[in-house]
Amino acid sequence: GMRYPASLGGSEADTVCLCVAAEELARGWLSLAASAV
């Protein structure tokens, strides 16, 4: 929900935040990161 409004259960984060999270997931395991993205 990082890129979605709080009213829908998201956190209204920006693209930079999403990239930080995606990078960390991929550093651990790209299969999980790819499905999550």
PDB file of all heavy atoms in Angstrom:
ATOM      1  N   GLY A   1       0.793  -1.225   0.000  1.00  0.00           N
ATOM      2  CA  GLY A   1       0.000   0.000   0.000  1.00  0.00           C
ATOM      3  C   GLY A   1       0.822   1.270   0.000  1.00  0.00           C
ATOM      4  O   GLY A   1       0.270   2.358   0.198  1.00  0.00           O
ATOM      5  N   MET A   2       2.114   1.174  -0.229  1.00  0.00           N
ATOM      6  CA  MET A   2       2.978   2.349  -0.108  1.00  0.00           C
ATOM      7  C   MET A   2       2.540   3.508  -0.994  1.00  0.00           C
ATOM      8  O   MET A   2       2.618   4.664  -0.618  1.00  0.00           O
ATOM      9  CB  MET A   2       4.428   1.977  -0.407  1.00  0.00           C
ATOM     10  CG  MET A   2       5.073   1.117   0.657  1.00  0.00           C
ATOM     11  SD  MET A   2       6.841   0.835   0.366  1.00  0.00           S
ATOM     12  CE  MET A   2       7.521   2.445   0.753  1.00  0.00           C
ATOM     13  N   ARG A   3       2.061   3.200  -2.210  1.00  0.00           N
ATOM     14  CA  ARG A   3       1.724   4.261  -3.156  1.00  0.00           C
ATOM     15  C   ARG A   3       0.248   4.637  -3.132  1.00  0.00           C
ATOM     16  O   ARG A   3      -0.202   5.433  -3.972  1.00  0.00           O
ATOM     17  CB  ARG A   3       2.117   3.829  -4.573  1.00  0.00           C
ATOM     18  CG  ARG A   3       3.588   3.559  -4.759  1.00  0.00           C
ATOM     19  CD  ARG A   3       4.419   4.841  -4.587  1.00  0.00           C
ATOM     20  NE  ARG A   3       4.336   5.705  -5.744  1.00  0.00           N
ATOM     21  CZ  ARG A   3       4.022   7.004  -5.722  1.00  0.00           C
ATOM     22  NH1 ARG A   3       3.721   7.596  -4.591  1.00  0.00           N
ATOM     23  NH2 ARG A   3       3.998   7.716  -6.816  1.00  0.00           N
ATOM     24  N   TYR A   4      -0.510   4.106  -2.164  1.00  0.00           N
ATOM     25  CA  TYR A   4      -1.952   4.335  -2.150  1.00  0.00           C
ATOM     26  C   TYR A   4      -2.390   5.170  -0.947  1.00  0.00           C
ATOM     27  O   TYR A   4      -1.677   5.257   0.059  1.00  0.00           O
ATOM     28  CB  TYR A   4      -2.686   2.991  -2.169  1.00  0.00           C
ATOM     29  CG  TYR A   4      -2.395   2.186  -3.418  1.00  0.00           C
ATOM     30  CD1 TYR A   4      -2.120   0.825  -3.360  1.00  0.00           C
ATOM     31  CD2 TYR A   4      -2.380   2.801  -4.670  1.00  0.00           C
ATOM     32  CE1 TYR A   4      -1.844   0.096  -4.503  1.00  0.00           C
ATOM     33  CE2 TYR A   4      -2.109   2.080  -5.823  1.00  0.00           C
ATOM     34  CZ  TYR A   4      -1.839   0.736  -5.735  1.00  0.00           C
ATOM     35  OH  TYR A   4      -1.570   0.018  -6.879  1.00  0.00           O
ATOM     36  N   PRO A   5      -3.564   5.786  -1.030  1.00  0.00           N
ATOM     37  CA  PRO A   5      -4.035   6.667   0.049  1.00  0.00           C
ATOM     38  C   PRO A   5      -4.289   5.917   1.357  1.00  0.00           C
ATOM     39  O   PRO A   5      -4.610   4.721   1.371  1.00  0.00           O
ATOM     40  CB  PRO A   5      -5.355   7.231  -0.506  1.00  0.00           C
ATOM     41  CG  PRO A   5      -5.291   7.023  -1.977  1.00  0.00           C
ATOM     42  CD  PRO A   5      -4.492   5.777  -2.179  1.00  0.00           C
ATOM     43  N   ALA A   6      -4.178   6.649   2.448  1.00  0.00           N
ATOM     44  CA  ALA A   6      -4.428   6.073   3.775  1.00  0.00           C
ATOM     45  C   ALA A   6      -5.861   5.576   3.895  1.00  0.00           C
ATOM     46  O   ALA A   6      -6.143   4.610   4.611  1.00  0.00           O
ATOM     47  CB  ALA A   6      -4.118   7.108   4.853  1.00  0.00           C
ATOM     48  N   SER A   7      -6.782   6.218   3.189  1.00  0.00           N
ATOM     49  CA  SER A   7      -8.195   5.831   3.252  1.00  0.00           C
ATOM     50  C   SER A   7      -8.423   4.417   2.727  1.00  0.00           C
ATOM     51  O   SER A   7      -9.432   3.784   3.054  1.00  0.00           O
ATOM     52  CB  SER A   7      -9.052   6.813   2.461  1.00  0.00           C
ATOM     53  OG  SER A   7      -8.662   6.829   1.091  1.00  0.00           O
ATOM     54  N   LEU A   8      -7.481   3.907   1.914  1.00  0.00           N
ATOM     55  CA  LEU A   8      -7.585   2.552   1.375  1.00  0.00           C
ATOM     56  C   LEU A   8      -6.658   1.576   2.096  1.00  0.00           C
ATOM     57  O   LEU A   8      -6.563   0.409   1.724  1.00  0.00           O
ATOM     58  CB  LEU A   8      -7.258   2.555  -0.120  1.00  0.00           C
ATOM     59  CG  LEU A   8      -8.220   3.344  -1.010  1.00  0.00           C
ATOM     60  CD1 LEU A   8      -7.695   3.416  -2.441  1.00  0.00           C
ATOM     61  CD2 LEU A   8      -9.606   2.719  -0.984  1.00  0.00           C
ATOM     62  N   GLY A   9      -5.967   2.068   3.126  1.00  0.00           N
ATOM     63  CA  GLY A   9      -5.044   1.225   3.864  1.00  0.00           C
ATOM     64  C   GLY A   9      -3.602   1.426   3.469  1.00  0.00           C
ATOM     65  O   GLY A   9      -2.720   0.677   3.908  1.00  0.00           O
ATOM     66  N   GLY A  10      -3.335   2.435   2.644  1.00  0.00           N
ATOM     67  CA  GLY A  10      -1.976   2.704   2.203  1.00  0.00           C
ATOM     68  C   GLY A  10      -1.268   3.706   3.081  1.00  0.00           C
ATOM     69  O   GLY A  10      -1.795   4.162   4.101  1.00  0.00           O
ATOM     70  N   SER A  11      -0.048   4.066   2.686  1.00  0.00           N
ATOM     71  CA  SER A  11       0.754   5.003   3.485  1.00  0.00           C
ATOM     72  C   SER A  11       1.151   6.258   2.710  1.00  0.00           C
ATOM     73  O   SER A  11       1.878   7.096   3.223  1.00  0.00           O
ATOM     74  CB  SER A  11       2.019   4.305   4.000  1.00  0.00           C
ATOM     75  OG  SER A  11       2.754   3.733   2.927  1.00  0.00           O
ATOM     76  N   GLU A  12       0.687   6.366   1.431  1.00  0.00           N
ATOM     77  CA  GLU A  12       0.910   7.575   0.640  1.00  0.00           C
ATOM     78  C   GLU A  12       2.397   7.926   0.522  1.00  0.00           C
ATOM     79  O   GLU A  12       2.778   9.093   0.536  1.00  0.00           O
ATOM     80  CB  GLU A  12       0.110   8.748   1.213  1.00  0.00           C
ATOM     81  CG  GLU A  12      -1.382   8.474   1.302  1.00  0.00           C
ATOM     82  CD  GLU A  12      -2.186   9.650   1.849  1.00  0.00           C
ATOM     83  OE1 GLU A  12      -1.682  10.783   1.850  1.00  0.00           O
ATOM     84  OE2 GLU A  12      -3.341   9.416   2.269  1.00  0.00           O
ATOM     85  N   ALA A  13       3.236   6.915   0.411  1.00  0.00           N
ATOM     86  CA  ALA A  13       4.679   7.139   0.264  1.00  0.00           C
ATOM     87  C   ALA A  13       5.000   7.541  -1.172  1.00  0.00           C
ATOM     88  O   ALA A  13       4.198   7.364  -2.084  1.00  0.00           O
ATOM     89  CB  ALA A  13       5.447   5.882   0.643  1.00  0.00           C
ATOM     90  N   ASP A  14       6.199   8.079  -1.368  1.00  0.00           N
ATOM     91  CA  ASP A  14       6.594   8.502  -2.706  1.00  0.00           C
ATOM     92  C   ASP A  14       7.403   7.413  -3.408  1.00  0.00           C
ATOM     93  O   ASP A  14       7.633   6.331  -2.860  1.00  0.00           O
ATOM     94  CB  ASP A  14       7.359   9.828  -2.657  1.00  0.00           C
ATOM     95  CG  ASP A  14       8.619   9.745  -1.792  1.00  0.00           C
ATOM     96  OD1 ASP A  14       9.069   8.615  -1.476  1.00  0.00           O
ATOM     97  OD2 ASP A  14       9.145  10.815  -1.420  1.00  0.00           O
ATOM     98  N   THR A  15       7.833   7.710  -4.627  1.00  0.00           N
ATOM     99  CA  THR A  15       8.566   6.730  -5.428  1.00  0.00           C
ATOM    100  C   THR A  15       9.910   6.390  -4.804  1.00  0.00           C
ATOM    101  O   THR A  15      10.361   5.240  -4.868  1.00  0.00           O
ATOM    102  CB  THR A  15       8.770   7.264  -6.853  1.00  0.00           C
ATOM    103  OG1 THR A  15       7.512   7.695  -7.385  1.00  0.00           O
ATOM    104  CG2 THR A  15       9.346   6.189  -7.762  1.00  0.00           C
ATOM    105  N   VAL A  16      10.552   7.381  -4.203  1.00  0.00           N
ATOM    106  CA  VAL A  16      11.838   7.124  -3.549  1.00  0.00           C
ATOM    107  C   VAL A  16      11.670   6.073  -2.453  1.00  0.00           C
ATOM    108  O   VAL A  16      12.452   5.123  -2.354  1.00  0.00           O
ATOM    109  CB  VAL A  16      12.436   8.428  -2.968  1.00  0.00           C
ATOM    110  CG1 VAL A  16      13.634   8.112  -2.073  1.00  0.00           C
ATOM    111  CG2 VAL A  16      12.860   9.360  -4.093  1.00  0.00           C
ATOM    112  N   CYS A  17      10.652   6.221  -1.633  1.00  0.00           N
ATOM    113  CA  CYS A  17      10.406   5.247  -0.556  1.00  0.00           C
ATOM    114  C   CYS A  17      10.126   3.857  -1.121  1.00  0.00           C
ATOM    115  O   CYS A  17      10.626   2.849  -0.602  1.00  0.00           O
ATOM    116  CB  CYS A  17       9.234   5.702   0.305  1.00  0.00           C
ATOM    117  SG  CYS A  17       9.607   7.095   1.391  1.00  0.00           S
ATOM    118  N   LEU A  18       9.333   3.808  -2.173  1.00  0.00           N
ATOM    119  CA  LEU A  18       9.030   2.516  -2.780  1.00  0.00           C
ATOM    120  C   LEU A  18      10.299   1.856  -3.309  1.00  0.00           C
ATOM    121  O   LEU A  18      10.490   0.646  -3.159  1.00  0.00           O
ATOM    122  CB  LEU A  18       8.015   2.698  -3.910  1.00  0.00           C
ATOM    123  CG  LEU A  18       7.573   1.416  -4.619  1.00  0.00           C
ATOM    124  CD1 LEU A  18       6.870   0.471  -3.657  1.00  0.00           C
ATOM    125  CD2 LEU A  18       6.669   1.746  -5.803  1.00  0.00           C
ATOM    126  N   CYS A  19      11.188   2.653  -3.906  1.00  0.00           N
ATOM    127  CA  CYS A  19      12.444   2.105  -4.428  1.00  0.00           C
ATOM    128  C   CYS A  19      13.339   1.591  -3.303  1.00  0.00           C
ATOM    129  O   CYS A  19      13.997   0.557  -3.449  1.00  0.00           O
ATOM    130  CB  CYS A  19      13.173   3.162  -5.247  1.00  0.00           C
ATOM    131  SG  CYS A  19      12.462   3.439  -6.892  1.00  0.00           S
ATOM    132  N   VAL A  20      13.380   2.307  -2.180  1.00  0.00           N
ATOM    133  CA  VAL A  20      14.171   1.843  -1.037  1.00  0.00           C
ATOM    134  C   VAL A  20      13.690   0.466  -0.590  1.00  0.00           C
ATOM    135  O   VAL A  20      14.473  -0.468  -0.380  1.00  0.00           O
ATOM    136  CB  VAL A  20      14.088   2.843   0.133  1.00  0.00           C
ATOM    137  CG1 VAL A  20      14.689   2.243   1.405  1.00  0.00           C
ATOM    138  CG2 VAL A  20      14.805   4.139  -0.217  1.00  0.00           C
ATOM    139  N   ALA A  21      12.375   0.329  -0.457  1.00  0.00           N
ATOM    140  CA  ALA A  21      11.801  -0.936  -0.001  1.00  0.00           C
ATOM    141  C   ALA A  21      12.019  -2.042  -1.032  1.00  0.00           C
ATOM    142  O   ALA A  21      12.360  -3.183  -0.684  1.00  0.00           O
ATOM    143  CB  ALA A  21      10.312  -0.760   0.285  1.00  0.00           C
ATOM    144  N   ALA A  22      11.827  -1.719  -2.315  1.00  0.00           N
ATOM    145  CA  ALA A  22      12.020  -2.718  -3.371  1.00  0.00           C
ATOM    146  C   ALA A  22      13.471  -3.174  -3.426  1.00  0.00           C
ATOM    147  O   ALA A  22      13.758  -4.368  -3.596  1.00  0.00           O
ATOM    148  CB  ALA A  22      11.592  -2.138  -4.720  1.00  0.00           C
ATOM    149  N   GLU A  23      14.400  -2.237  -3.285  1.00  0.00           N
ATOM    150  CA  GLU A  23      15.823  -2.579  -3.292  1.00  0.00           C
ATOM    151  C   GLU A  23      16.157  -3.538  -2.151  1.00  0.00           C
ATOM    152  O   GLU A  23      16.868  -4.535  -2.337  1.00  0.00           O
ATOM    153  CB  GLU A  23      16.672  -1.313  -3.166  1.00  0.00           C
ATOM    154  CG  GLU A  23      18.157  -1.591  -3.132  1.00  0.00           C
ATOM    155  CD  GLU A  23      18.991  -0.370  -2.776  1.00  0.00           C
ATOM    156  OE1 GLU A  23      18.478   0.762  -2.878  1.00  0.00           O
ATOM    157  OE2 GLU A  23      20.158  -0.558  -2.365  1.00  0.00           O
ATOM    158  N   GLU A  24      15.633  -3.256  -0.967  1.00  0.00           N
ATOM    159  CA  GLU A  24      15.931  -4.120   0.183  1.00  0.00           C
ATOM    160  C   GLU A  24      15.333  -5.510   0.027  1.00  0.00           C
ATOM    161  O   GLU A  24      15.968  -6.512   0.370  1.00  0.00           O
ATOM    162  CB  GLU A  24      15.413  -3.462   1.468  1.00  0.00           C
ATOM    163  CG  GLU A  24      16.272  -2.302   1.933  1.00  0.00           C
ATOM    164  CD  GLU A  24      17.704  -2.737   2.212  1.00  0.00           C
ATOM    165  OE1 GLU A  24      17.906  -3.643   3.038  1.00  0.00           O
ATOM    166  OE2 GLU A  24      18.621  -2.181   1.586  1.00  0.00           O
ATOM    167  N   LEU A  25      14.110  -5.587  -0.503  1.00  0.00           N
ATOM    168  CA  LEU A  25      13.515  -6.900  -0.737  1.00  0.00           C
ATOM    169  C   LEU A  25      14.343  -7.686  -1.747  1.00  0.00           C
ATOM    170  O   LEU A  25      14.595  -8.884  -1.572  1.00  0.00           O
ATOM    171  CB  LEU A  25      12.084  -6.755  -1.253  1.00  0.00           C
ATOM    172  CG  LEU A  25      10.999  -6.446  -0.226  1.00  0.00           C
ATOM    173  CD1 LEU A  25       9.651  -6.245  -0.926  1.00  0.00           C
ATOM    174  CD2 LEU A  25      10.872  -7.563   0.806  1.00  0.00           C
ATOM    175  N   ALA A  26      14.780  -7.021  -2.817  1.00  0.00           N
ATOM    176  CA  ALA A  26      15.563  -7.700  -3.847  1.00  0.00           C
ATOM    177  C   ALA A  26      16.934  -8.114  -3.327  1.00  0.00           C
ATOM    178  O   ALA A  26      17.487  -9.132  -3.753  1.00  0.00           O
ATOM    179  CB  ALA A  26      15.710  -6.796  -5.067  1.00  0.00           C
ATOM    180  N   ARG A  27      17.500  -7.343  -2.421  1.00  0.00           N
ATOM    181  CA  ARG A  27      18.779  -7.709  -1.815  1.00  0.00           C
ATOM    182  C   ARG A  27      18.648  -9.030  -1.063  1.00  0.00           C
ATOM    183  O   ARG A  27      19.582  -9.829  -1.010  1.00  0.00           O
ATOM    184  CB  ARG A  27      19.257  -6.610  -0.865  1.00  0.00           C
ATOM    185  CG  ARG A  27      20.654  -6.850  -0.311  1.00  0.00           C
ATOM    186  CD  ARG A  27      21.155  -5.612   0.413  1.00  0.00           C
ATOM    187  NE  ARG A  27      20.420  -5.348   1.635  1.00  0.00           N
ATOM    188  CZ  ARG A  27      20.781  -5.781   2.845  1.00  0.00           C
ATOM    189  NH1 ARG A  27      21.870  -6.509   2.979  1.00  0.00           N
ATOM    190  NH2 ARG A  27      20.080  -5.483   3.910  1.00  0.00           N
ATOM    191  N   GLY A  28      17.466  -9.273  -0.512  1.00  0.00           N
ATOM    192  CA  GLY A  28      17.234 -10.536   0.180  1.00  0.00           C
ATOM    193  C   GLY A  28      16.874 -11.656  -0.771  1.00  0.00           C
ATOM    194  O   GLY A  28      17.463 -12.740  -0.722  1.00  0.00           O
ATOM    195  N   TRP A  29      15.912 -11.396  -1.692  1.00  0.00           N
ATOM    196  CA  TRP A  29      15.452 -12.466  -2.586  1.00  0.00           C
ATOM    197  C   TRP A  29      14.611 -11.852  -3.689  1.00  0.00           C
ATOM    198  O   TRP A  29      13.525 -11.335  -3.437  1.00  0.00           O
ATOM    199  CB  TRP A  29      14.649 -13.482  -1.791  1.00  0.00           C
ATOM    200  CG  TRP A  29      14.254 -14.707  -2.555  1.00  0.00           C
ATOM    201  CD1 TRP A  29      14.789 -15.187  -3.709  1.00  0.00           C
ATOM    202  CD2 TRP A  29      13.223 -15.627  -2.193  1.00  0.00           C
ATOM    203  NE1 TRP A  29      14.181 -16.331  -4.095  1.00  0.00           N
ATOM    204  CE2 TRP A  29      13.206 -16.637  -3.180  1.00  0.00           C
ATOM    205  CE3 TRP A  29      12.322 -15.708  -1.138  1.00  0.00           C
ATOM    206  CZ2 TRP A  29      12.316 -17.698  -3.137  1.00  0.00           C
ATOM    207  CZ3 TRP A  29      11.438 -16.764  -1.095  1.00  0.00           C
ATOM    208  CH2 TRP A  29      11.443 -17.754  -2.073  1.00  0.00           C
ATOM    209  N   LEU A  30      15.085 -11.922  -4.919  1.00  0.00           N
ATOM    210  CA  LEU A  30      14.405 -11.271  -6.024  1.00  0.00           C
ATOM    211  C   LEU A  30      13.061 -11.908  -6.345  1.00  0.00           C
ATOM    212  O   LEU A  30      12.145 -11.227  -6.800  1.00  0.00           O
ATOM    213  CB  LEU A  30      15.296 -11.246  -7.275  1.00  0.00           C
ATOM    214  CG  LEU A  30      14.760 -10.428  -8.446  1.00  0.00           C
ATOM    215  CD1 LEU A  30      14.489  -8.985  -8.050  1.00  0.00           C
ATOM    216  CD2 LEU A  30      15.722 -10.481  -9.632  1.00  0.00           C
ATOM    217  N   SER A  31      12.904 -13.206  -6.131  1.00  0.00           N
ATOM    218  CA  SER A  31      11.604 -13.842  -6.393  1.00  0.00           C
ATOM    219  C   SER A  31      10.505 -13.183  -5.568  1.00  0.00           C
ATOM    220  O   SER A  31       9.424 -12.867  -6.078  1.00  0.00           O
ATOM    221  CB  SER A  31      11.656 -15.339  -6.071  1.00  0.00           C
ATOM    222  OG  SER A  31      12.275 -16.074  -7.096  1.00  0.00           O
ATOM    223  N   LEU A  32      10.771 -12.982  -4.291  1.00  0.00           N
ATOM    224  CA  LEU A  32       9.793 -12.341  -3.426  1.00  0.00           C
ATOM    225  C   LEU A  32       9.596 -10.887  -3.836  1.00  0.00           C
ATOM    226  O   LEU A  32       8.464 -10.394  -3.909  1.00  0.00           O
ATOM    227  CB  LEU A  32      10.249 -12.418  -1.968  1.00  0.00           C
ATOM    228  CG  LEU A  32       9.357 -11.713  -0.938  1.00  0.00           C
ATOM    229  CD1 LEU A  32       7.955 -12.306  -0.925  1.00  0.00           C
ATOM    230  CD2 LEU A  32       9.987 -11.793   0.451  1.00  0.00           C
ATOM    231  N   ALA A  33      10.700 -10.196  -4.117  1.00  0.00           N
ATOM    232  CA  ALA A  33      10.617  -8.787  -4.495  1.00  0.00           C
ATOM    233  C   ALA A  33       9.829  -8.600  -5.783  1.00  0.00           C
ATOM    234  O   ALA A  33       9.021  -7.670  -5.909  1.00  0.00           O
ATOM    235  CB  ALA A  33      12.013  -8.202  -4.631  1.00  0.00           C
ATOM    236  N   ALA A  34      10.049  -9.472  -6.773  1.00  0.00           N
ATOM    237  CA  ALA A  34       9.349  -9.358  -8.052  1.00  0.00           C
ATOM    238  C   ALA A  34       7.850  -9.553  -7.867  1.00  0.00           C
ATOM    239  O   ALA A  34       7.035  -8.802  -8.427  1.00  0.00           O
ATOM    240  CB  ALA A  34       9.900 -10.385  -9.038  1.00  0.00           C
ATOM    241  N   SER A  35       7.464 -10.543  -7.075  1.00  0.00           N
ATOM    242  CA  SER A  35       6.039 -10.782  -6.817  1.00  0.00           C
ATOM    243  C   SER A  35       5.426  -9.624  -6.043  1.00  0.00           C
ATOM    244  O   SER A  35       4.287  -9.225  -6.292  1.00  0.00           O
ATOM    245  CB  SER A  35       5.862 -12.086  -6.033  1.00  0.00           C
ATOM    246  OG  SER A  35       6.370 -13.187  -6.749  1.00  0.00           O
ATOM    247  N   ALA A  36       6.196  -9.065  -5.112  1.00  0.00           N
ATOM    248  CA  ALA A  36       5.700  -7.962  -4.295  1.00  0.00           C
ATOM    249  C   ALA A  36       5.505  -6.692  -5.114  1.00  0.00           C
ATOM    250  O   ALA A  36       4.514  -5.972  -4.947  1.00  0.00           O
ATOM    251  CB  ALA A  36       6.658  -7.704  -3.135  1.00  0.00           C
ATOM    252  N   VAL A  37       6.448  -6.415  -6.014  1.00  0.00           N
ATOM    253  CA  VAL A  37       6.312  -5.226  -6.864  1.00  0.00           C
ATOM    254  C   VAL A  37       5.136  -5.383  -7.828  1.00  0.00           C
ATOM    255  O   VAL A  37       4.409  -4.422  -8.102  1.00  0.00           O
ATOM    256  CB  VAL A  37       7.630  -4.954  -7.620  1.00  0.00           C
ATOM    257  CG1 VAL A  37       7.425  -3.941  -8.738  1.00  0.00           C
ATOM    258  CG2 VAL A  37       8.686  -4.438  -6.644  1.00  0.00           C
TER     259      VAL A  37
END
